[in-house]
Amino acid sequence: MNPLRPSFWKSVRRVLAPLTLLGLALFAFAPDVLAQVVPATSGANTNAFNFNIGMNMPNQPKDLDVAIRIVFLITLLSLAPSLVMLMTCFTRIIIVFSFLRNALSLQGVPANQLMVGFALFLTFFIMTPVYQRIDETAIKPYQANQITGQQALDQASGHMREFMLRQTRPKDVEFFVGLAKMGPTAADQLPLSVVIPGFILSELRTGFQMGFLLFIPFILIDFVVAIVLMSLGLMFLPPATISLPLKILLFVLVDGWTLVVRSLALSFGV
């Protein structure tokens, strides 16, 4: 735009006029706002601005204990997504969904947000019986002051340990028991530091096994399409161009999403 033209200066005035009015309003109301924020004190300079960085440690042991609990709670909340992914069935579900998308040769469909959201809701559905037992034996008695916090934590961890051990191979648990240099221990006495890594290892193995089974029919489709194109002399045509619609058609005709979700739910004993 040419700055010598009158239309240019009209545009500038149109932009600057609201900003000027806003600045005048702030300048007019600034004393009232400062009077509310900084109370006037006798013998002190109300215009001084003080800035202090420091750490006030609690003086009483009880206050220190509460502060430690608050820090622990904040840390636990920050680790909650990792606990949901690693201590529930979310790991196996998201691995199978990822394998399914790669088997269909679809890079961005379904979107990552959709797959993660679906996996979360499916996780909540499968883990509902475990949560109900935790709510009945740990949360409600604790809220009614019938048990202590440590007892509620033991009850909740016991139900989670039972779920994870039911899905974990004994070989994986024994492997981590050996790494921890523990002697023969009953299943209900195993610490979570041993149960959780064994459960994750088993979930990774099971998820890869189910992903491999999903790959087999789609690989066969790619193989057949490549042979047909070579026999017709259409080597310049990429096989993926023909096989992709066929794989999507096959997956839709057999109601693939329902079969996958049903297999996942049955694998957890639902």
Protein backbone atom coordinates (compact mmCIF):
# COMPACT_ATOMS: atom_id res chain seq x y z
CA MET A 1 0.00 0.00 0.00
CA ASN A 2 1.30 3.46 -0.95
CA PRO A 3 1.86 5.63 2.20
CA LEU A 4 1.23 8.80 0.17
CA ARG A 5 -2.35 7.85 -0.59
CA PRO A 6 -5.09 9.20 1.75
CA SER A 7 -6.62 5.72 2.11
CA PHE A 8 -3.41 4.53 3.80
CA TRP A 9 -3.65 7.12 6.56
CA LYS A 10 -7.35 6.38 7.03
CA SER A 11 -6.46 2.74 7.63
CA VAL A 12 -3.76 3.73 10.13
CA ARG A 13 -6.17 5.98 12.03
CA ARG A 14 -8.75 3.17 12.09
CA VAL A 15 -6.21 0.87 13.76
CA LEU A 16 -4.67 3.40 16.16
CA ALA A 17 -7.92 4.94 17.41
CA PRO A 18 -9.06 1.92 19.51
CA LEU A 19 -5.54 1.46 20.90
CA THR A 20 -5.38 5.13 21.93
CA LEU A 21 -8.75 4.92 23.71
CA LEU A 22 -7.63 1.77 25.52
CA GLY A 23 -4.41 3.45 26.70
CA LEU A 24 -6.30 6.50 27.97
CA ALA A 25 -8.74 4.27 29.87
CA LEU A 26 -5.92 2.36 31.53
CA PHE A 27 -4.17 5.61 32.46
CA ALA A 28 -7.38 6.99 33.98
CA PHE A 29 -8.18 3.92 36.08
CA ALA A 30 -4.60 3.07 37.08
CA PRO A 31 -4.63 5.01 40.43
CA ASP A 32 -7.85 3.26 41.57
CA VAL A 33 -6.50 -0.17 40.70
CA LEU A 34 -3.19 0.44 42.46
CA ALA A 35 -5.01 1.74 45.51
CA GLN A 36 -6.91 -1.54 45.77
CA VAL A 37 -3.90 -3.79 45.15
CA VAL A 38 -1.34 -1.88 47.30
CA PRO A 39 -2.92 -0.66 50.54
CA ALA A 40 -1.64 2.63 51.91
CA THR A 41 0.51 2.36 55.03
CA SER A 42 1.64 5.17 57.26
CA GLY A 43 5.27 6.09 56.93
CA ALA A 44 5.84 3.83 53.94
CA ASN A 45 6.38 4.64 50.31
CA THR A 46 3.32 3.27 48.47
CA ASN A 47 5.02 3.71 45.11
CA ALA A 48 7.87 1.31 45.98
CA PHE A 49 7.87 -2.06 44.27
CA ASN A 50 9.23 -5.00 46.26
CA PHE A 51 10.26 -8.31 44.74
CA ASN A 52 11.39 -11.23 46.89
CA ILE A 53 12.40 -14.78 46.05
CA GLY A 54 12.74 -17.21 48.91
CA MET A 55 11.56 -20.42 50.57
CA ASN A 56 9.69 -20.40 53.85
CA MET A 57 10.21 -23.77 55.53
CA PRO A 58 7.53 -24.97 57.99
CA ASN A 59 8.47 -24.57 61.60
CA GLN A 60 6.26 -27.34 63.00
CA PRO A 61 6.87 -31.07 62.22
CA LYS A 62 3.17 -31.49 61.47
CA ASP A 63 3.31 -28.77 58.82
CA LEU A 64 6.37 -30.40 57.28
CA ASP A 65 4.54 -33.75 57.11
CA VAL A 66 1.59 -32.11 55.33
CA ALA A 67 3.94 -30.40 52.88
CA ILE A 68 5.62 -33.73 52.06
CA ARG A 69 2.22 -35.32 51.46
CA ILE A 70 1.19 -32.51 49.13
CA VAL A 71 4.42 -32.87 47.11
CA PHE A 72 3.88 -36.63 46.94
CA LEU A 73 0.28 -36.14 45.76
CA ILE A 74 1.34 -33.69 43.03
CA THR A 75 4.02 -36.13 41.88
CA LEU A 76 1.49 -38.95 41.81
CA LEU A 77 -0.91 -36.87 39.70
CA SER A 78 1.87 -36.10 37.23
CA LEU A 79 2.61 -39.83 36.94
CA ALA A 80 -1.07 -40.81 36.62
CA PRO A 81 -1.02 -41.08 32.78
CA SER A 82 1.96 -43.44 32.96
CA LEU A 83 0.23 -45.53 35.62
CA VAL A 84 -2.90 -45.78 33.46
CA MET A 85 -0.84 -46.90 30.47
CA LEU A 86 1.41 -49.37 32.26
CA MET A 87 -0.78 -50.90 34.97
CA THR A 88 -3.93 -51.46 32.88
CA CYS A 89 -4.86 -53.08 29.59
CA PHE A 90 -4.11 -49.86 27.66
CA THR A 91 -0.68 -51.09 26.53
CA ARG A 92 -1.98 -54.16 24.70
CA ILE A 93 -4.89 -52.27 23.13
CA ILE A 94 -2.82 -49.41 21.70
CA ILE A 95 -0.19 -51.84 20.35
CA VAL A 96 -2.85 -53.87 18.52
CA PHE A 97 -4.43 -50.72 17.09
CA SER A 98 -1.04 -49.53 15.84
CA PHE A 99 -0.35 -52.88 14.17
CA LEU A 100 -3.79 -52.82 12.58
CA ARG A 101 -3.25 -49.38 11.07
CA ASN A 102 0.14 -50.42 9.68
CA ALA A 103 -1.31 -53.64 8.28
CA LEU A 104 -3.95 -51.61 6.43
CA SER A 105 -1.16 -49.34 5.08
CA LEU A 106 -2.96 -46.31 6.52
CA GLN A 107 -0.53 -43.77 7.92
CA GLY A 108 -2.88 -41.17 9.38
CA VAL A 109 -6.28 -42.89 9.45
CA PRO A 110 -7.60 -43.25 12.10
CA ALA A 111 -5.90 -40.26 13.69
CA ASN A 112 -3.68 -40.77 16.72
CA GLN A 113 -6.07 -38.81 18.96
CA LEU A 114 -8.97 -41.04 17.90
CA MET A 115 -7.02 -44.25 18.49
CA VAL A 116 -5.77 -43.15 21.91
CA GLY A 117 -9.25 -41.98 22.93
CA PHE A 118 -10.85 -45.24 21.83
CA ALA A 119 -8.15 -47.22 23.62
CA LEU A 120 -8.78 -45.22 26.81
CA PHE A 121 -12.53 -45.82 26.75
CA LEU A 122 -11.99 -49.51 26.03
CA THR A 123 -9.53 -49.59 28.95
CA PHE A 124 -12.13 -48.05 31.26
CA PHE A 125 -14.68 -50.64 30.11
CA ILE A 126 -12.38 -53.61 30.72
CA MET A 127 -11.05 -52.27 34.04
CA THR A 128 -14.51 -51.46 35.45
CA PRO A 129 -14.83 -54.70 37.51
CA VAL A 130 -11.41 -54.07 39.08
CA TYR A 131 -12.35 -50.49 39.94
CA GLN A 132 -15.65 -51.62 41.47
CA ARG A 133 -13.83 -54.03 43.78
CA ILE A 134 -11.37 -51.29 44.74
CA ASP A 135 -14.25 -48.90 45.41
CA GLU A 136 -16.09 -51.42 47.61
CA THR A 137 -13.13 -52.64 49.64
CA ALA A 138 -10.83 -49.62 49.76
CA ILE A 139 -12.35 -46.26 48.80
CA LYS A 140 -15.74 -46.44 50.52
CA PRO A 141 -14.42 -47.92 53.82
CA TYR A 142 -11.69 -45.26 53.87
CA GLN A 143 -14.23 -42.47 53.30
CA ALA A 144 -16.31 -43.91 56.14
CA ASN A 145 -13.24 -43.90 58.44
CA GLN A 146 -13.44 -47.68 58.82
CA ILE A 147 -9.88 -48.32 57.66
CA THR A 148 -6.70 -46.27 57.54
CA GLY A 149 -5.07 -44.85 54.45
CA GLN A 150 -2.37 -47.53 54.47
CA GLN A 151 -4.99 -50.29 54.67
CA ALA A 152 -6.94 -48.75 51.78
CA LEU A 153 -3.75 -48.57 49.73
CA ASP A 154 -2.98 -52.22 50.49
CA GLN A 155 -6.48 -53.28 49.47
CA ALA A 156 -6.33 -51.32 46.20
CA SER A 157 -2.85 -52.57 45.31
CA GLY A 158 -3.97 -56.12 46.06
CA HIS A 159 -6.75 -55.94 43.46
CA MET A 160 -4.40 -54.41 40.90
CA ARG A 161 -1.81 -57.09 41.66
CA GLU A 162 -4.43 -59.78 41.13
CA PHE A 163 -5.43 -58.33 37.75
CA MET A 164 -1.85 -57.96 36.54
CA LEU A 165 -0.78 -61.44 37.68
CA ARG A 166 -3.77 -62.95 35.87
CA GLN A 167 -2.48 -61.44 32.60
CA THR A 168 1.24 -62.08 33.23
CA ARG A 169 3.18 -65.16 32.26
CA PRO A 170 4.81 -66.93 35.24
CA LYS A 171 8.06 -66.92 33.27
CA ASP A 172 8.14 -63.12 33.20
CA VAL A 173 7.40 -62.82 36.92
CA GLU A 174 10.11 -65.36 37.75
CA PHE A 175 12.54 -63.41 35.60
CA PHE A 176 12.10 -60.22 37.63
CA VAL A 177 12.01 -62.15 40.90
CA GLY A 178 15.42 -63.50 39.98
CA LEU A 179 16.70 -60.03 39.10
CA ALA A 180 15.50 -58.76 42.48
CA LYS A 181 17.28 -61.70 44.17
CA MET A 182 14.15 -62.69 46.05
CA GLY A 183 13.48 -66.13 47.42
CA PRO A 184 10.32 -68.18 46.86
CA THR A 185 7.41 -65.80 47.44
CA ALA A 186 3.68 -66.31 47.29
CA ALA A 187 1.85 -64.55 44.47
CA ASP A 188 -0.14 -62.33 46.83
CA GLN A 189 3.06 -61.28 48.60
CA LEU A 190 4.95 -60.17 45.50
CA PRO A 191 5.80 -56.44 45.55
CA LEU A 192 4.49 -54.20 42.80
CA SER A 193 8.08 -53.41 41.82
CA VAL A 194 8.27 -57.00 40.53
CA VAL A 195 4.70 -57.44 39.28
CA ILE A 196 4.48 -54.26 37.17
CA PRO A 197 7.56 -54.85 34.92
CA GLY A 198 6.55 -58.50 34.48
CA PHE A 199 3.05 -57.40 33.49
CA ILE A 200 4.41 -54.85 30.98
CA LEU A 201 6.72 -57.44 29.43
CA SER A 202 3.84 -59.89 29.02
CA GLU A 203 1.60 -57.19 27.55
CA LEU A 204 4.22 -56.27 24.96
CA ARG A 205 4.60 -59.92 23.96
CA THR A 206 0.84 -60.52 23.72
CA GLY A 207 0.28 -57.30 21.78
CA PHE A 208 2.95 -58.25 19.23
CA GLN A 209 1.46 -61.73 18.88
CA MET A 210 -1.98 -60.32 18.12
CA GLY A 211 -0.46 -57.76 15.74
CA PHE A 212 1.32 -60.52 13.84
CA LEU A 213 -1.95 -62.43 13.39
CA LEU A 214 -3.57 -59.25 12.08
CA PHE A 215 -0.81 -58.79 9.51
CA ILE A 216 -1.21 -62.24 7.88
CA PRO A 217 -4.42 -61.70 5.78
CA PHE A 218 -3.30 -58.26 4.60
CA ILE A 219 0.13 -59.55 3.58
CA LEU A 220 -1.59 -62.25 1.54
CA ILE A 221 -3.61 -59.58 -0.26
CA ASP A 222 -0.43 -57.64 -1.09
CA PHE A 223 1.23 -60.84 -2.29
CA VAL A 224 -1.67 -61.83 -4.58
CA VAL A 225 -2.00 -58.33 -6.04
CA ALA A 226 1.74 -58.17 -6.78
CA ILE A 227 1.66 -61.57 -8.56
CA VAL A 228 -1.37 -60.57 -10.66
CA LEU A 229 0.18 -57.27 -11.71
CA MET A 230 3.44 -58.99 -12.69
CA SER A 231 1.57 -61.61 -14.71
CA LEU A 232 -0.29 -58.87 -16.57
CA GLY A 233 2.91 -56.99 -17.27
CA LEU A 234 1.81 -53.98 -15.20
CA MET A 235 5.05 -53.70 -13.29
CA PHE A 236 4.97 -49.90 -13.52
CA LEU A 237 1.77 -49.86 -11.37
CA PRO A 238 2.51 -49.87 -7.61
CA PRO A 239 0.81 -52.86 -5.94
CA ALA A 240 -0.22 -50.68 -2.99
CA THR A 241 -2.49 -48.66 -5.29
CA ILE A 242 -4.62 -51.75 -5.93
CA SER A 243 -4.19 -53.61 -2.65
CA LEU A 244 -5.14 -50.71 -0.36
CA PRO A 245 -8.80 -50.48 -1.49
CA LEU A 246 -9.05 -54.28 -1.42
CA LYS A 247 -7.74 -54.44 2.17
CA ILE A 248 -10.14 -51.72 3.30
CA LEU A 249 -13.03 -53.48 1.54
CA LEU A 250 -12.16 -56.83 3.15
CA PHE A 251 -11.82 -55.23 6.59
CA VAL A 252 -15.21 -53.53 6.28
CA LEU A 253 -16.99 -56.62 4.93
CA VAL A 254 -15.87 -58.85 7.80
CA ASP A 255 -16.67 -56.10 10.36
CA GLY A 256 -13.03 -55.91 11.33
CA TRP A 257 -13.27 -53.34 14.13
CA THR A 258 -15.83 -55.42 16.00
CA LEU A 259 -13.70 -58.54 15.63
CA VAL A 260 -10.58 -56.76 16.87
CA VAL A 261 -12.31 -55.21 19.88
CA ARG A 262 -14.00 -58.53 20.72
CA SER A 263 -10.67 -60.35 20.56
CA LEU A 264 -9.08 -57.74 22.84
CA ALA A 265 -11.89 -57.98 25.37
CA LEU A 266 -11.85 -61.77 25.37
CA SER A 267 -8.09 -61.81 25.80
CA PHE A 268 -8.62 -60.10 29.19
CA GLY A 269 -11.34 -62.54 30.21
CA VAL A 270 -14.25 -60.08 29.84
